[in-house]
């Protein structure tokens, strides 16, 4: 069970980090729309994924299959973003926090390992 204060941190931090990274991307790549638009679409997909599968209240949110789909999609999107622009490695902090907090043992190890690969 996650403590209420950590639940708040896990809810706010991914959006905060994603917002800072989007601002940084726009600042550095303004005018290079062939690079910016796909990156922004991937960021929107990450934000929407977290919102729909983790933050919106629904009964099946903690079902193992939903957690597996969420983590797989989040790690895959994170990897694609890191391959596009290395500064998205900072987004893996949020992915690590989800891997530690919602993935049950022993599946936590592959989730953390895959996130480490995306970060690297």
PDB file of N, CA and C in Angstrom:
ATOM      1  N   UNK A   1       0.835  -1.184   0.000  1.00  0.00           N
ATOM      2  CA  UNK A   1       0.000   0.000   0.000  1.00  0.00           C
ATOM      3  C   UNK A   1       0.879   1.247   0.000  1.00  0.00           C
ATOM      4  N   UNK A   2       0.559   2.183  -0.841  1.00  0.00           N
ATOM      5  CA  UNK A   2       1.319   3.415  -0.961  1.00  0.00           C
ATOM      6  C   UNK A   2       0.748   4.457   0.004  1.00  0.00           C
ATOM      7  N   UNK A   3       1.638   5.123   0.732  1.00  0.00           N
ATOM      8  CA  UNK A   3       1.206   6.169   1.650  1.00  0.00           C
ATOM      9  C   UNK A   3       0.600   7.332   0.865  1.00  0.00           C
ATOM     10  N   UNK A   4      -0.355   8.048   1.458  1.00  0.00           N
ATOM     11  CA  UNK A   4      -1.016   9.155   0.738  1.00  0.00           C
ATOM     12  C   UNK A   4      -0.057  10.229   0.219  1.00  0.00           C
ATOM     13  N   UNK A   5       0.970  10.575   0.994  1.00  0.00           N
ATOM     14  CA  UNK A   5       1.882  11.613   0.511  1.00  0.00           C
ATOM     15  C   UNK A   5       2.683  11.138  -0.697  1.00  0.00           C
ATOM     16  N   UNK A   6       3.047   9.853  -0.727  1.00  0.00           N
ATOM     17  CA  UNK A   6       3.765   9.329  -1.892  1.00  0.00           C
ATOM     18  C   UNK A   6       2.832   9.192  -3.082  1.00  0.00           C
ATOM     19  N   UNK A   7       1.567   8.919  -2.824  1.00  0.00           N
ATOM     20  CA  UNK A   7       0.590   8.860  -3.912  1.00  0.00           C
ATOM     21  C   UNK A   7       0.516  10.229  -4.603  1.00  0.00           C
ATOM     22  N   UNK A   8       0.558  11.305  -3.813  1.00  0.00           N
ATOM     23  CA  UNK A   8       0.544  12.652  -4.380  1.00  0.00           C
ATOM     24  C   UNK A   8       1.799  12.901  -5.217  1.00  0.00           C
ATOM     25  N   UNK A   9       2.944  12.496  -4.702  1.00  0.00           N
ATOM     26  CA  UNK A   9       4.206  12.667  -5.444  1.00  0.00           C
ATOM     27  C   UNK A   9       4.152  11.878  -6.743  1.00  0.00           C
ATOM     28  N   UNK A  10       3.668  10.638  -6.696  1.00  0.00           N
ATOM     29  CA  UNK A  10       3.589   9.811  -7.898  1.00  0.00           C
ATOM     30  C   UNK A  10       2.570  10.343  -8.898  1.00  0.00           C
ATOM     31  N   UNK A  11       1.603  11.093  -8.420  1.00  0.00           N
ATOM     32  CA  UNK A  11       0.610  11.668  -9.311  1.00  0.00           C
ATOM     33  C   UNK A  11       1.135  12.919  -9.996  1.00  0.00           C
ATOM     34  N   UNK A  12       1.839  13.763  -9.273  1.00  0.00           N
ATOM     35  CA  UNK A  12       2.258  15.069  -9.798  1.00  0.00           C
ATOM     36  C   UNK A  12       3.581  15.001 -10.559  1.00  0.00           C
ATOM     37  N   UNK A  13       4.538  14.255 -10.067  1.00  0.00           N
ATOM     38  CA  UNK A  13       5.895  14.262 -10.619  1.00  0.00           C
ATOM     39  C   UNK A  13       5.974  13.915 -12.111  1.00  0.00           C
ATOM     40  N   UNK A  14       5.309  12.875 -12.594  1.00  0.00           N
ATOM     41  CA  UNK A  14       5.447  12.583 -14.032  1.00  0.00           C
ATOM     42  C   UNK A  14       4.996  13.743 -14.922  1.00  0.00           C
ATOM     43  N   UNK A  15       3.910  14.407 -14.549  1.00  0.00           N
ATOM     44  CA  UNK A  15       3.431  15.532 -15.348  1.00  0.00           C
ATOM     45  C   UNK A  15       4.382  16.723 -15.262  1.00  0.00           C
ATOM     46  N   UNK A  16       4.934  16.948 -14.092  1.00  0.00           N
ATOM     47  CA  UNK A  16       5.878  18.049 -13.904  1.00  0.00           C
ATOM     48  C   UNK A  16       7.133  17.825 -14.738  1.00  0.00           C
ATOM     49  N   UNK A  17       7.696  16.632 -14.656  1.00  0.00           N
ATOM     50  CA  UNK A  17       8.903  16.307 -15.432  1.00  0.00           C
ATOM     51  C   UNK A  17       8.600  16.375 -16.929  1.00  0.00           C
ATOM     52  N   UNK A  18       7.475  15.839 -17.331  1.00  0.00           N
ATOM     53  CA  UNK A  18       7.095  15.859 -18.747  1.00  0.00           C
ATOM     54  C   UNK A  18       6.911  17.294 -19.233  1.00  0.00           C
ATOM     55  N   UNK A  19       6.302  18.137 -18.428  1.00  0.00           N
ATOM     56  CA  UNK A  19       6.115  19.536 -18.804  1.00  0.00           C
ATOM     57  C   UNK A  19       7.431  20.273 -18.965  1.00  0.00           C
ATOM     58  N   UNK A  20       8.363  20.047 -18.052  1.00  0.00           N
ATOM     59  CA  UNK A  20       9.687  20.684 -18.150  1.00  0.00           C
ATOM     60  C   UNK A  20      10.405  20.198 -19.404  1.00  0.00           C
ATOM     61  N   UNK A  21      10.323  18.904 -19.695  1.00  0.00           N
ATOM     62  CA  UNK A  21      10.990  18.363 -20.885  1.00  0.00           C
ATOM     63  C   UNK A  21      10.360  18.871 -22.175  1.00  0.00           C
ATOM     64  N   UNK A  22       9.048  19.043 -22.192  1.00  0.00           N
ATOM     65  CA  UNK A  22       8.381  19.613 -23.371  1.00  0.00           C
ATOM     66  C   UNK A  22       8.833  21.053 -23.572  1.00  0.00           C
ATOM     67  N   UNK A  23       8.881  21.831 -22.489  1.00  0.00           N
ATOM     68  CA  UNK A  23       9.342  23.220 -22.590  1.00  0.00           C
ATOM     69  C   UNK A  23      10.781  23.278 -23.092  1.00  0.00           C
ATOM     70  N   UNK A  24      11.628  22.402 -22.587  1.00  0.00           N
ATOM     71  CA  UNK A  24      13.021  22.348 -23.010  1.00  0.00           C
ATOM     72  C   UNK A  24      13.122  21.990 -24.489  1.00  0.00           C
ATOM     73  N   UNK A  25      12.320  21.033 -24.924  1.00  0.00           N
ATOM     74  CA  UNK A  25      12.308  20.628 -26.334  1.00  0.00           C
ATOM     75  C   UNK A  25      11.879  21.789 -27.220  1.00  0.00           C
ATOM     76  N   UNK A  26      10.818  22.481 -26.818  1.00  0.00           N
ATOM     77  CA  UNK A  26      10.353  23.619 -27.612  1.00  0.00           C
ATOM     78  C   UNK A  26      11.395  24.732 -27.653  1.00  0.00           C
ATOM     79  N   UNK A  27      12.060  24.952 -26.548  1.00  0.00           N
ATOM     80  CA  UNK A  27      13.082  25.991 -26.491  1.00  0.00           C
ATOM     81  C   UNK A  27      14.253  25.692 -27.430  1.00  0.00           C
ATOM     82  N   UNK A  28      14.695  24.447 -27.436  1.00  0.00           N
ATOM     83  CA  UNK A  28      15.860  24.085 -28.240  1.00  0.00           C
ATOM     84  C   UNK A  28      15.554  23.813 -29.703  1.00  0.00           C
ATOM     85  N   UNK A  29      14.345  23.341 -29.995  1.00  0.00           N
ATOM     86  CA  UNK A  29      14.052  22.906 -31.360  1.00  0.00           C
ATOM     87  C   UNK A  29      12.948  23.723 -32.026  1.00  0.00           C
ATOM     88  N   UNK A  30      12.682  24.920 -31.514  1.00  0.00           N
ATOM     89  CA  UNK A  30      11.626  25.742 -32.084  1.00  0.00           C
ATOM     90  C   UNK A  30      11.907  25.997 -33.569  1.00  0.00           C
ATOM     91  N   UNK A  31      10.909  25.759 -34.392  1.00  0.00           N
ATOM     92  CA  UNK A  31      11.047  25.965 -35.828  1.00  0.00           C
ATOM     93  C   UNK A  31      11.435  24.712 -36.594  1.00  0.00           C
ATOM     94  N   UNK A  32      11.953  23.722 -35.922  1.00  0.00           N
ATOM     95  CA  UNK A  32      12.314  22.455 -36.566  1.00  0.00           C
ATOM     96  C   UNK A  32      11.133  21.491 -36.403  1.00  0.00           C
ATOM     97  N   UNK A  33      10.048  21.797 -37.086  1.00  0.00           N
ATOM     98  CA  UNK A  33       8.782  21.108 -36.825  1.00  0.00           C
ATOM     99  C   UNK A  33       8.828  19.627 -37.155  1.00  0.00           C
ATOM    100  N   UNK A  34       9.692  19.205 -38.059  1.00  0.00           N
ATOM    101  CA  UNK A  34       9.808  17.776 -38.365  1.00  0.00           C
ATOM    102  C   UNK A  34      10.334  16.995 -37.156  1.00  0.00           C
ATOM    103  N   UNK A  35      11.071  17.669 -36.281  1.00  0.00           N
ATOM    104  CA  UNK A  35      11.563  17.043 -35.057  1.00  0.00           C
ATOM    105  C   UNK A  35      10.605  17.254 -33.888  1.00  0.00           C
ATOM    106  N   UNK A  36      10.051  18.455 -33.793  1.00  0.00           N
ATOM    107  CA  UNK A  36       9.247  18.826 -32.630  1.00  0.00           C
ATOM    108  C   UNK A  36       7.900  18.114 -32.599  1.00  0.00           C
ATOM    109  N   UNK A  37       7.203  18.068 -33.716  1.00  0.00           N
ATOM    110  CA  UNK A  37       5.841  17.518 -33.718  1.00  0.00           C
ATOM    111  C   UNK A  37       5.801  16.050 -33.288  1.00  0.00           C
ATOM    112  N   UNK A  38       6.644  15.162 -33.846  1.00  0.00           N
ATOM    113  CA  UNK A  38       6.602  13.774 -33.367  1.00  0.00           C
ATOM    114  C   UNK A  38       6.954  13.642 -31.879  1.00  0.00           C
ATOM    115  N   UNK A  39       7.895  14.451 -31.426  1.00  0.00           N
ATOM    116  CA  UNK A  39       8.268  14.414 -30.011  1.00  0.00           C
ATOM    117  C   UNK A  39       7.107  14.854 -29.138  1.00  0.00           C
ATOM    118  N   UNK A  40       6.420  15.908 -29.541  1.00  0.00           N
ATOM    119  CA  UNK A  40       5.268  16.377 -28.773  1.00  0.00           C
ATOM    120  C   UNK A  40       4.133  15.348 -28.774  1.00  0.00           C
ATOM    121  N   UNK A  41       3.956  14.662 -29.885  1.00  0.00           N
ATOM    122  CA  UNK A  41       2.932  13.608 -29.942  1.00  0.00           C
ATOM    123  C   UNK A  41       3.283  12.448 -29.012  1.00  0.00           C
ATOM    124  N   UNK A  42       4.548  12.082 -28.959  1.00  0.00           N
ATOM    125  CA  UNK A  42       4.981  11.028 -28.037  1.00  0.00           C
ATOM    126  C   UNK A  42       4.798  11.467 -26.583  1.00  0.00           C
ATOM    127  N   UNK A  43       5.105  12.732 -26.299  1.00  0.00           N
ATOM    128  CA  UNK A  43       4.909  13.257 -24.936  1.00  0.00           C
ATOM    129  C   UNK A  43       3.430  13.262 -24.566  1.00  0.00           C
ATOM    130  N   UNK A  44       2.586  13.634 -25.519  1.00  0.00           N
ATOM    131  CA  UNK A  44       1.145  13.601 -25.266  1.00  0.00           C
ATOM    132  C   UNK A  44       0.678  12.171 -25.003  1.00  0.00           C
ATOM    133  N   UNK A  45       1.254  11.206 -25.730  1.00  0.00           N
ATOM    134  CA  UNK A  45       0.898   9.802 -25.509  1.00  0.00           C
ATOM    135  C   UNK A  45       1.311   9.347 -24.115  1.00  0.00           C
ATOM    136  N   UNK A  46       2.481   9.775 -23.645  1.00  0.00           N
ATOM    137  CA  UNK A  46       2.934   9.427 -22.292  1.00  0.00           C
ATOM    138  C   UNK A  46       1.981  10.022 -21.255  1.00  0.00           C
ATOM    139  N   UNK A  47       1.672  11.303 -21.405  1.00  0.00           N
ATOM    140  CA  UNK A  47       0.769  11.962 -20.466  1.00  0.00           C
ATOM    141  C   UNK A  47      -0.610  11.327 -20.449  1.00  0.00           C
ATOM    142  N   UNK A  48      -1.128  11.016 -21.620  1.00  0.00           N
ATOM    143  CA  UNK A  48      -2.442  10.383 -21.716  1.00  0.00           C
ATOM    144  C   UNK A  48      -2.429   8.974 -21.122  1.00  0.00           C
ATOM    145  N   UNK A  49      -1.358   8.235 -21.365  1.00  0.00           N
ATOM    146  CA  UNK A  49      -1.222   6.887 -20.802  1.00  0.00           C
ATOM    147  C   UNK A  49      -1.245   6.923 -19.280  1.00  0.00           C
ATOM    148  N   UNK A  50      -0.482   7.838 -18.697  1.00  0.00           N
ATOM    149  CA  UNK A  50      -0.446   7.950 -17.236  1.00  0.00           C
ATOM    150  C   UNK A  50      -1.806   8.393 -16.706  1.00  0.00           C
ATOM    151  N   UNK A  51      -2.420   9.338 -17.374  1.00  0.00           N
ATOM    152  CA  UNK A  51      -3.723   9.828 -16.925  1.00  0.00           C
ATOM    153  C   UNK A  51      -4.777   8.729 -16.954  1.00  0.00           C
ATOM    154  N   UNK A  52      -4.873   8.030 -18.073  1.00  0.00           N
ATOM    155  CA  UNK A  52      -5.940   7.042 -18.240  1.00  0.00           C
ATOM    156  C   UNK A  52      -5.705   5.784 -17.405  1.00  0.00           C
ATOM    157  N   UNK A  53      -4.493   5.248 -17.428  1.00  0.00           N
ATOM    158  CA  UNK A  53      -4.273   3.964 -16.765  1.00  0.00           C
ATOM    159  C   UNK A  53      -3.841   4.067 -15.307  1.00  0.00           C
ATOM    160  N   UNK A  54      -3.418   5.258 -14.835  1.00  0.00           N
ATOM    161  CA  UNK A  54      -2.989   5.348 -13.437  1.00  0.00           C
ATOM    162  C   UNK A  54      -3.757   6.366 -12.613  1.00  0.00           C
ATOM    163  N   UNK A  55      -4.083   7.514 -13.176  1.00  0.00           N
ATOM    164  CA  UNK A  55      -4.626   8.582 -12.347  1.00  0.00           C
ATOM    165  C   UNK A  55      -6.146   8.642 -12.308  1.00  0.00           C
ATOM    166  N   UNK A  56      -6.802   8.260 -13.377  1.00  0.00           N
ATOM    167  CA  UNK A  56      -8.261   8.262 -13.347  1.00  0.00           C
ATOM    168  C   UNK A  56      -8.762   7.086 -12.508  1.00  0.00           C
ATOM    169  N   UNK A  57      -9.735   7.339 -11.652  1.00  0.00           N
ATOM    170  CA  UNK A  57     -10.210   6.253 -10.783  1.00  0.00           C
ATOM    171  C   UNK A  57     -11.112   5.269 -11.534  1.00  0.00           C
ATOM    172  N   UNK A  58     -10.706   4.014 -11.538  1.00  0.00           N
ATOM    173  CA  UNK A  58     -11.541   2.929 -12.042  1.00  0.00           C
ATOM    174  C   UNK A  58     -11.103   1.645 -11.382  1.00  0.00           C
ATOM    175  N   UNK A  59     -12.015   0.713 -11.275  1.00  0.00           N
ATOM    176  CA  UNK A  59     -11.805  -0.485 -10.453  1.00  0.00           C
ATOM    177  C   UNK A  59     -10.669  -1.374 -10.918  1.00  0.00           C
ATOM    178  N   UNK A  60     -10.465  -1.531 -12.183  1.00  0.00           N
ATOM    179  CA  UNK A  60      -9.487  -2.497 -12.706  1.00  0.00           C
ATOM    180  C   UNK A  60      -8.068  -1.923 -12.798  1.00  0.00           C
ATOM    181  N   UNK A  61      -7.852  -0.732 -12.296  1.00  0.00           N
ATOM    182  CA  UNK A  61      -6.558  -0.061 -12.429  1.00  0.00           C
ATOM    183  C   UNK A  61      -5.412  -0.876 -11.832  1.00  0.00           C
ATOM    184  N   UNK A  62      -5.662  -1.589 -10.752  1.00  0.00           N
ATOM    185  CA  UNK A  62      -4.603  -2.355 -10.092  1.00  0.00           C
ATOM    186  C   UNK A  62      -4.569  -3.826 -10.491  1.00  0.00           C
ATOM    187  N   UNK A  63      -5.282  -4.176 -11.542  1.00  0.00           N
ATOM    188  CA  UNK A  63      -5.253  -5.544 -12.062  1.00  0.00           C
ATOM    189  C   UNK A  63      -3.879  -5.796 -12.688  1.00  0.00           C
ATOM    190  N   UNK A  64      -3.285  -6.972 -12.473  1.00  0.00           N
ATOM    191  CA  UNK A  64      -1.940  -7.249 -13.012  1.00  0.00           C
ATOM    192  C   UNK A  64      -1.808  -7.039 -14.522  1.00  0.00           C
ATOM    193  N   UNK A  65      -2.845  -7.367 -15.289  1.00  0.00           N
ATOM    194  CA  UNK A  65      -2.761  -7.183 -16.741  1.00  0.00           C
ATOM    195  C   UNK A  65      -2.711  -5.697 -17.105  1.00  0.00           C
ATOM    196  N   UNK A  66      -3.461  -4.871 -16.399  1.00  0.00           N
ATOM    197  CA  UNK A  66      -3.457  -3.432 -16.659  1.00  0.00           C
ATOM    198  C   UNK A  66      -2.102  -2.840 -16.286  1.00  0.00           C
ATOM    199  N   UNK A  67      -1.549  -3.275 -15.165  1.00  0.00           N
ATOM    200  CA  UNK A  67      -0.228  -2.805 -14.753  1.00  0.00           C
ATOM    201  C   UNK A  67       0.827  -3.221 -15.776  1.00  0.00           C
ATOM    202  N   UNK A  68       0.746  -4.448 -16.276  1.00  0.00           N
ATOM    203  CA  UNK A  68       1.710  -4.925 -17.282  1.00  0.00           C
ATOM    204  C   UNK A  68       1.602  -4.114 -18.571  1.00  0.00           C
ATOM    205  N   UNK A  69       0.393  -3.838 -19.018  1.00  0.00           N
ATOM    206  CA  UNK A  69       0.198  -3.037 -20.230  1.00  0.00           C
ATOM    207  C   UNK A  69       0.730  -1.624 -20.009  1.00  0.00           C
ATOM    208  N   UNK A  70       0.400  -1.055 -18.862  1.00  0.00           N
ATOM    209  CA  UNK A  70       0.848   0.306 -18.542  1.00  0.00           C
ATOM    210  C   UNK A  70       2.370   0.399 -18.538  1.00  0.00           C
ATOM    211  N   UNK A  71       3.025  -0.498 -17.811  1.00  0.00           N
ATOM    212  CA  UNK A  71       4.485  -0.431 -17.696  1.00  0.00           C
ATOM    213  C   UNK A  71       5.168  -0.705 -19.039  1.00  0.00           C
ATOM    214  N   UNK A  72       4.667  -1.667 -19.789  1.00  0.00           N
ATOM    215  CA  UNK A  72       5.260  -1.970 -21.093  1.00  0.00           C
ATOM    216  C   UNK A  72       5.154  -0.774 -22.028  1.00  0.00           C
ATOM    217  N   UNK A  73       3.975  -0.172 -22.085  1.00  0.00           N
ATOM    218  CA  UNK A  73       3.779   0.990 -22.955  1.00  0.00           C
ATOM    219  C   UNK A  73       4.613   2.184 -22.482  1.00  0.00           C
ATOM    220  N   UNK A  74       4.657   2.401 -21.171  1.00  0.00           N
ATOM    221  CA  UNK A  74       5.423   3.527 -20.638  1.00  0.00           C
ATOM    222  C   UNK A  74       6.916   3.367 -20.905  1.00  0.00           C
ATOM    223  N   UNK A  75       7.437   2.177 -20.693  1.00  0.00           N
ATOM    224  CA  UNK A  75       8.866   1.927 -20.949  1.00  0.00           C
ATOM    225  C   UNK A  75       9.167   2.065 -22.442  1.00  0.00           C
ATOM    226  N   UNK A  76       8.282   1.552 -23.301  1.00  0.00           N
ATOM    227  CA  UNK A  76       8.494   1.647 -24.749  1.00  0.00           C
ATOM    228  C   UNK A  76       8.474   3.111 -25.212  1.00  0.00           C
ATOM    229  N   UNK A  77       7.506   3.888 -24.745  1.00  0.00           N
ATOM    230  CA  UNK A  77       7.441   5.302 -25.103  1.00  0.00           C
ATOM    231  C   UNK A  77       8.649   6.063 -24.567  1.00  0.00           C
ATOM    232  N   UNK A  78       9.035   5.724 -23.357  1.00  0.00           N
ATOM    233  CA  UNK A  78      10.207   6.365 -22.757  1.00  0.00           C
ATOM    234  C   UNK A  78      11.457   6.063 -23.578  1.00  0.00           C
ATOM    235  N   UNK A  79      11.615   4.819 -24.004  1.00  0.00           N
ATOM    236  CA  UNK A  79      12.775   4.434 -24.817  1.00  0.00           C
ATOM    237  C   UNK A  79      12.791   5.194 -26.140  1.00  0.00           C
ATOM    238  N   UNK A  80      11.648   5.291 -26.796  1.00  0.00           N
ATOM    239  CA  UNK A  80      11.578   6.012 -28.069  1.00  0.00           C
ATOM    240  C   UNK A  80      11.935   7.483 -27.865  1.00  0.00           C
ATOM    241  N   UNK A  81      11.433   8.085 -26.789  1.00  0.00           N
ATOM    242  CA  UNK A  81      11.754   9.488 -26.510  1.00  0.00           C
ATOM    243  C   UNK A  81      13.240   9.678 -26.228  1.00  0.00           C
ATOM    244  N   UNK A  82      13.837   8.769 -25.473  1.00  0.00           N
ATOM    245  CA  UNK A  82      15.271   8.871 -25.178  1.00  0.00           C
ATOM    246  C   UNK A  82      16.093   8.709 -26.455  1.00  0.00           C
ATOM    247  N   UNK A  83      15.667   7.820 -27.332  1.00  0.00           N
ATOM    248  CA  UNK A  83      16.388   7.654 -28.595  1.00  0.00           C
ATOM    249  C   UNK A  83      16.253   8.881 -29.489  1.00  0.00           C
ATOM    250  N   UNK A  84      15.142   9.588 -29.394  1.00  0.00           N
ATOM    251  CA  UNK A  84      14.951  10.825 -30.166  1.00  0.00           C
ATOM    252  C   UNK A  84      15.806  11.960 -29.602  1.00  0.00           C
ATOM    253  N   UNK A  85      15.701  12.166 -28.290  1.00  0.00           N
ATOM    254  CA  UNK A  85      16.422  13.247 -27.623  1.00  0.00           C
ATOM    255  C   UNK A  85      16.877  12.754 -26.258  1.00  0.00           C
ATOM    256  N   UNK A  86      18.159  12.822 -26.001  1.00  0.00           N
ATOM    257  CA  UNK A  86      18.722  12.217 -24.795  1.00  0.00           C
ATOM    258  C   UNK A  86      18.210  12.835 -23.504  1.00  0.00           C
ATOM    259  N   UNK A  87      17.766  14.086 -23.525  1.00  0.00           N
ATOM    260  CA  UNK A  87      17.297  14.699 -22.284  1.00  0.00           C
ATOM    261  C   UNK A  87      16.034  14.058 -21.747  1.00  0.00           C
ATOM    262  N   UNK A  88      15.356  13.235 -22.544  1.00  0.00           N
ATOM    263  CA  UNK A  88      14.189  12.512 -22.037  1.00  0.00           C
ATOM    264  C   UNK A  88      14.593  11.373 -21.108  1.00  0.00           C
ATOM    265  N   UNK A  89      15.889  11.176 -20.911  1.00  0.00           N
ATOM    266  CA  UNK A  89      16.348  10.247 -19.896  1.00  0.00           C
ATOM    267  C   UNK A  89      15.868  10.658 -18.511  1.00  0.00           C
ATOM    268  N   UNK A  90      15.616  11.946 -18.314  1.00  0.00           N
ATOM    269  CA  UNK A  90      15.087  12.415 -17.030  1.00  0.00           C
ATOM    270  C   UNK A  90      13.678  11.886 -16.767  1.00  0.00           C
ATOM    271  N   UNK A  91      12.958  11.537 -17.824  1.00  0.00           N
ATOM    272  CA  UNK A  91      11.613  10.991 -17.655  1.00  0.00           C
ATOM    273  C   UNK A  91      11.652   9.598 -17.025  1.00  0.00           C
ATOM    274  N   UNK A  92      12.792   8.931 -17.114  1.00  0.00           N
ATOM    275  CA  UNK A  92      12.884   7.600 -16.516  1.00  0.00           C
ATOM    276  C   UNK A  92      12.769   7.639 -14.997  1.00  0.00           C
ATOM    277  N   UNK A  93      12.964   8.809 -14.390  1.00  0.00           N
ATOM    278  CA  UNK A  93      12.745   8.930 -12.945  1.00  0.00           C
ATOM    279  C   UNK A  93      11.292   8.583 -12.620  1.00  0.00           C
ATOM    280  N   UNK A  94      10.375   9.104 -13.414  1.00  0.00           N
ATOM    281  CA  UNK A  94       8.953   8.792 -13.205  1.00  0.00           C
ATOM    282  C   UNK A  94       8.678   7.312 -13.501  1.00  0.00           C
ATOM    283  N   UNK A  95       9.307   6.795 -14.538  1.00  0.00           N
ATOM    284  CA  UNK A  95       9.099   5.384 -14.885  1.00  0.00           C
ATOM    285  C   UNK A  95       9.644   4.473 -13.786  1.00  0.00           C
ATOM    286  N   UNK A  96      10.806   4.815 -13.241  1.00  0.00           N
ATOM    287  CA  UNK A  96      11.342   4.048 -12.106  1.00  0.00           C
ATOM    288  C   UNK A  96      10.385   4.079 -10.916  1.00  0.00           C
ATOM    289  N   UNK A  97       9.824   5.245 -10.645  1.00  0.00           N
ATOM    290  CA  UNK A  97       8.930   5.346  -9.488  1.00  0.00           C
ATOM    291  C   UNK A  97       7.696   4.484  -9.677  1.00  0.00           C
ATOM    292  N   UNK A  98       7.169   4.415 -10.895  1.00  0.00           N
ATOM    293  CA  UNK A  98       6.036   3.524 -11.144  1.00  0.00           C
ATOM    294  C   UNK A  98       6.461   2.060 -11.014  1.00  0.00           C
ATOM    295  N   UNK A  99       7.639   1.730 -11.542  1.00  0.00           N
ATOM    296  CA  UNK A  99       8.108   0.343 -11.467  1.00  0.00           C
ATOM    297  C   UNK A  99       8.261  -0.117 -10.021  1.00  0.00           C
ATOM    298  N   UNK A 100       8.782   0.769  -9.169  1.00  0.00           N
ATOM    299  CA  UNK A 100       8.957   0.414  -7.757  1.00  0.00           C
ATOM    300  C   UNK A 100       7.644   0.383  -6.985  1.00  0.00           C
ATOM    301  N   UNK A 101       6.705   1.227  -7.361  1.00  0.00           N
ATOM    302  CA  UNK A 101       5.518   1.377  -6.521  1.00  0.00           C
ATOM    303  C   UNK A 101       4.322   0.523  -6.926  1.00  0.00           C
ATOM    304  N   UNK A 102       4.161   0.212  -8.207  1.00  0.00           N
ATOM    305  CA  UNK A 102       2.934  -0.508  -8.599  1.00  0.00           C
ATOM    306  C   UNK A 102       3.168  -1.922  -9.104  1.00  0.00           C
ATOM    307  N   UNK A 103       4.396  -2.237  -9.505  1.00  0.00           N
ATOM    308  CA  UNK A 103       4.671  -3.572 -10.046  1.00  0.00           C
ATOM    309  C   UNK A 103       4.978  -4.513  -8.880  1.00  0.00           C
ATOM    310  N   UNK A 104       4.252  -5.631  -8.803  1.00  0.00           N
ATOM    311  CA  UNK A 104       4.497  -6.562  -7.696  1.00  0.00           C
ATOM    312  C   UNK A 104       5.778  -7.369  -7.899  1.00  0.00           C
ATOM    313  N   UNK A 105       6.324  -7.819  -6.778  1.00  0.00           N
ATOM    314  CA  UNK A 105       7.471  -8.706  -6.798  1.00  0.00           C
ATOM    315  C   UNK A 105       7.046 -10.031  -7.387  1.00  0.00           C
ATOM    316  N   UNK A 106       7.782 -10.729  -8.182  1.00  0.00           N
ATOM    317  CA  UNK A 106       9.136 -10.556  -8.699  1.00  0.00           C
ATOM    318  C   UNK A 106       9.182  -9.815 -10.035  1.00  0.00           C
ATOM    319  N   UNK A 107       8.034  -9.359 -10.524  1.00  0.00           N
ATOM    320  CA  UNK A 107       7.999  -8.673 -11.822  1.00  0.00           C
ATOM    321  C   UNK A 107       8.603  -7.272 -11.746  1.00  0.00           C
ATOM    322  N   UNK A 108       8.858  -6.808 -10.543  1.00  0.00           N
ATOM    323  CA  UNK A 108       9.481  -5.500 -10.359  1.00  0.00           C
ATOM    324  C   UNK A 108      10.886  -5.480 -10.970  1.00  0.00           C
ATOM    325  N   UNK A 109      11.615  -6.587 -10.853  1.00  0.00           N
ATOM    326  CA  UNK A 109      12.988  -6.631 -11.366  1.00  0.00           C
ATOM    327  C   UNK A 109      13.064  -6.420 -12.881  1.00  0.00           C
ATOM    328  N   UNK A 110      12.271  -7.125 -13.691  1.00  0.00           N
ATOM    329  CA  UNK A 110      12.320  -6.843 -15.136  1.00  0.00           C
ATOM    330  C   UNK A 110      11.844  -5.433 -15.482  1.00  0.00           C
ATOM    331  N   UNK A 111      10.865  -4.911 -14.741  1.00  0.00           N
ATOM    332  CA  UNK A 111      10.378  -3.550 -15.012  1.00  0.00           C
ATOM    333  C   UNK A 111      11.470  -2.520 -14.738  1.00  0.00           C
ATOM    334  N   UNK A 112      12.158  -2.679 -13.630  1.00  0.00           N
ATOM    335  CA  UNK A 112      13.249  -1.759 -13.297  1.00  0.00           C
ATOM    336  C   UNK A 112      14.409  -1.939 -14.272  1.00  0.00           C
ATOM    337  N   UNK A 113      14.719  -3.177 -14.633  1.00  0.00           N
ATOM    338  CA  UNK A 113      15.789  -3.431 -15.604  1.00  0.00           C
ATOM    339  C   UNK A 113      15.493  -2.834 -16.966  1.00  0.00           C
ATOM    340  N   UNK A 114      14.265  -2.980 -17.445  1.00  0.00           N
ATOM    341  CA  UNK A 114      13.898  -2.402 -18.739  1.00  0.00           C
ATOM    342  C   UNK A 114      13.935  -0.880 -18.703  1.00  0.00           C
ATOM    343  N   UNK A 115      13.534  -0.308 -17.570  1.00  0.00           N
ATOM    344  CA  UNK A 115      13.615   1.141 -17.418  1.00  0.00           C
ATOM    345  C   UNK A 115      15.080   1.595 -17.416  1.00  0.00           C
ATOM    346  N   UNK A 116      15.948   0.832 -16.791  1.00  0.00           N
ATOM    347  CA  UNK A 116      17.385   1.155 -16.789  1.00  0.00           C
ATOM    348  C   UNK A 116      17.950   1.112 -18.207  1.00  0.00           C
ATOM    349  N   UNK A 117      17.502   0.145 -19.003  1.00  0.00           N
ATOM    350  CA  UNK A 117      17.947   0.068 -20.401  1.00  0.00           C
ATOM    351  C   UNK A 117      17.482   1.315 -21.155  1.00  0.00           C
ATOM    352  N   UNK A 118      16.239   1.726 -20.932  1.00  0.00           N
ATOM    353  CA  UNK A 118      15.732   2.936 -21.597  1.00  0.00           C
ATOM    354  C   UNK A 118      16.518   4.164 -21.155  1.00  0.00           C
ATOM    355  N   UNK A 119      16.873   4.221 -19.897  1.00  0.00           N
ATOM    356  CA  UNK A 119      17.636   5.364 -19.380  1.00  0.00           C
ATOM    357  C   UNK A 119      19.047   5.388 -19.961  1.00  0.00           C
ATOM    358  N   UNK A 120      19.613   4.196 -20.162  1.00  0.00           N
ATOM    359  CA  UNK A 120      20.984   4.120 -20.660  1.00  0.00           C
ATOM    360  C   UNK A 120      21.081   4.479 -22.101  1.00  0.00           C
TER     361      UNK A 120
END
